[in-house]
């Protein structure tokens, strides 16, 4: 069973930057498509970004395109998300997700089988 642990969340002022990390427990990390979702209070969990197992394909929600960057280091079993020009509307719990044997990238919650516990990102005005 894959276990995912997120880190890097915190409080940042609008316009600032944060770097989230998600480390997987499995040695087969390189075979997994990885993604980030987020959920704000009272809102549904929404897709943010995904990266294929080969790192050859990435996809971003329109709301973060150009500001967020997803990457992975398979040797460290870790996926990252660099977030810049943060806005108050980016405030949410950010979740790391993983799915094996997924062709390309998935943008729906149902596309992923494994989830981390989340890390809080709060962007102040």
Protein backbone atom coordinates (compact mmCIF):
# COMPACT_ATOMS: atom_id res chain seq x y z
CA UNK A 1 0.00 0.00 0.00
CA UNK A 2 1.27 3.42 -0.95
CA UNK A 3 1.61 5.98 1.81
CA UNK A 4 1.98 9.63 0.89
CA UNK A 5 3.19 12.37 3.21
CA UNK A 6 2.95 16.04 2.28
CA UNK A 7 5.02 18.84 3.72
CA UNK A 8 5.87 22.45 3.02
CA UNK A 9 2.57 24.13 3.71
CA UNK A 10 2.30 27.22 5.83
CA UNK A 11 1.29 30.84 6.01
CA UNK A 12 2.46 33.19 3.31
CA UNK A 13 1.54 36.68 2.19
CA UNK A 14 -0.14 37.26 -1.13
CA UNK A 15 2.43 37.34 -3.88
CA UNK A 16 4.74 35.02 -2.00
CA UNK A 17 5.90 31.51 -2.75
CA UNK A 18 5.82 28.08 -1.21
CA UNK A 19 7.21 24.70 -2.19
CA UNK A 20 5.22 21.61 -1.33
CA UNK A 21 6.71 18.14 -1.18
CA UNK A 22 5.08 14.73 -1.21
CA UNK A 23 7.09 11.64 -0.42
CA UNK A 24 5.82 8.15 -1.20
CA UNK A 25 6.67 5.06 0.81
CA UNK A 26 6.79 2.70 -2.14
CA UNK A 27 9.88 1.81 -4.09
CA UNK A 28 7.77 1.71 -7.25
CA UNK A 29 7.20 5.45 -7.11
CA UNK A 30 8.52 5.89 -10.63
CA UNK A 31 5.57 3.90 -11.97
CA UNK A 32 2.97 6.23 -10.48
CA UNK A 33 1.27 9.21 -11.94
CA UNK A 34 1.27 11.90 -9.26
CA UNK A 35 -1.05 14.81 -8.72
CA UNK A 36 -1.94 17.64 -6.41
CA UNK A 37 -5.49 18.51 -5.45
CA UNK A 38 -6.75 21.12 -3.04
CA UNK A 39 -9.83 21.70 -0.96
CA UNK A 40 -10.88 25.02 0.51
CA UNK A 41 -13.39 25.28 3.37
CA UNK A 42 -16.88 24.62 2.09
CA UNK A 43 -15.61 23.71 -1.36
CA UNK A 44 -15.19 20.48 -3.25
CA UNK A 45 -11.78 19.00 -3.73
CA UNK A 46 -10.38 20.30 -7.00
CA UNK A 47 -7.58 19.30 -9.30
CA UNK A 48 -4.46 21.46 -9.29
CA UNK A 49 -1.69 19.71 -11.21
CA UNK A 50 -0.50 16.29 -12.32
CA UNK A 51 2.67 14.74 -13.67
CA UNK A 52 3.03 11.44 -15.49
CA UNK A 53 5.23 8.64 -14.22
CA UNK A 54 7.79 9.43 -16.89
CA UNK A 55 7.59 13.16 -16.12
CA UNK A 56 6.98 13.64 -19.80
CA UNK A 57 3.52 15.09 -19.35
CA UNK A 58 2.17 17.70 -16.98
CA UNK A 59 -1.21 19.33 -16.70
CA UNK A 60 -2.45 22.27 -14.68
CA UNK A 61 -5.76 23.73 -13.70
CA UNK A 62 -6.38 27.03 -15.42
CA UNK A 63 -6.48 28.79 -12.08
CA UNK A 64 -2.83 27.99 -11.34
CA UNK A 65 -1.33 27.77 -14.81
CA UNK A 66 1.78 29.89 -15.07
CA UNK A 67 2.09 30.21 -11.30
CA UNK A 68 2.51 26.63 -10.11
CA UNK A 69 5.02 24.06 -11.28
CA UNK A 70 4.90 20.34 -10.59
CA UNK A 71 8.01 18.18 -10.79
CA UNK A 72 9.28 14.88 -9.49
CA UNK A 73 12.47 13.26 -8.31
CA UNK A 74 12.01 9.53 -8.67
CA UNK A 75 15.27 8.77 -6.88
CA UNK A 76 13.79 10.43 -3.79
CA UNK A 77 10.26 9.09 -4.30
CA UNK A 78 9.13 12.68 -4.11
CA UNK A 79 6.89 14.98 -6.09
CA UNK A 80 7.09 18.74 -5.67
CA UNK A 81 4.88 21.67 -6.38
CA UNK A 82 6.41 25.10 -6.52
CA UNK A 83 3.82 27.79 -6.03
CA UNK A 84 4.48 31.43 -6.79
CA UNK A 85 2.47 34.63 -6.95
CA UNK A 86 0.15 33.12 -4.40
CA UNK A 87 -3.30 34.57 -3.99
CA UNK A 88 -5.73 34.43 -1.07
CA UNK A 89 -7.95 32.19 -3.19
CA UNK A 90 -5.15 29.62 -3.20
CA UNK A 91 -5.81 29.05 0.49
CA UNK A 92 -6.72 25.39 0.94
CA UNK A 93 -5.58 22.05 2.19
CA UNK A 94 -3.37 20.59 -0.51
CA UNK A 95 -3.41 16.85 -1.07
CA UNK A 96 -0.95 14.64 -2.86
CA UNK A 97 -2.41 11.77 -4.90
CA UNK A 98 -0.98 8.77 -6.73
CA UNK A 99 -2.17 6.21 -9.22
CA UNK A 100 -0.29 3.34 -10.77
CA UNK A 101 -0.63 2.25 -14.38
CA UNK A 102 -2.39 5.43 -15.38
CA UNK A 103 -1.85 6.42 -18.96
CA UNK A 104 -1.17 10.10 -19.18
CA UNK A 105 -2.58 12.22 -16.39
CA UNK A 106 -5.93 12.23 -14.62
CA UNK A 107 -7.76 15.36 -13.51
CA UNK A 108 -10.53 13.77 -11.46
CA UNK A 109 -10.46 12.56 -7.88
CA UNK A 110 -11.67 9.17 -9.05
CA UNK A 111 -8.53 8.75 -11.16
CA UNK A 112 -6.36 8.33 -8.06
CA UNK A 113 -6.23 5.53 -5.53
CA UNK A 114 -3.81 6.86 -2.94
CA UNK A 115 -3.95 10.10 -0.99
CA UNK A 116 -1.91 11.93 1.58
CA UNK A 117 -3.35 13.58 4.66
CA UNK A 118 -2.95 17.08 3.29
CA UNK A 119 -0.95 20.15 4.15
CA UNK A 120 -2.47 23.54 4.87
CA UNK A 121 -1.59 26.50 2.70
CA UNK A 122 -2.86 29.85 3.90
CA UNK A 123 -2.33 33.00 1.85
CA UNK A 124 -3.00 36.27 3.60
CA UNK A 125 -4.02 39.49 1.89
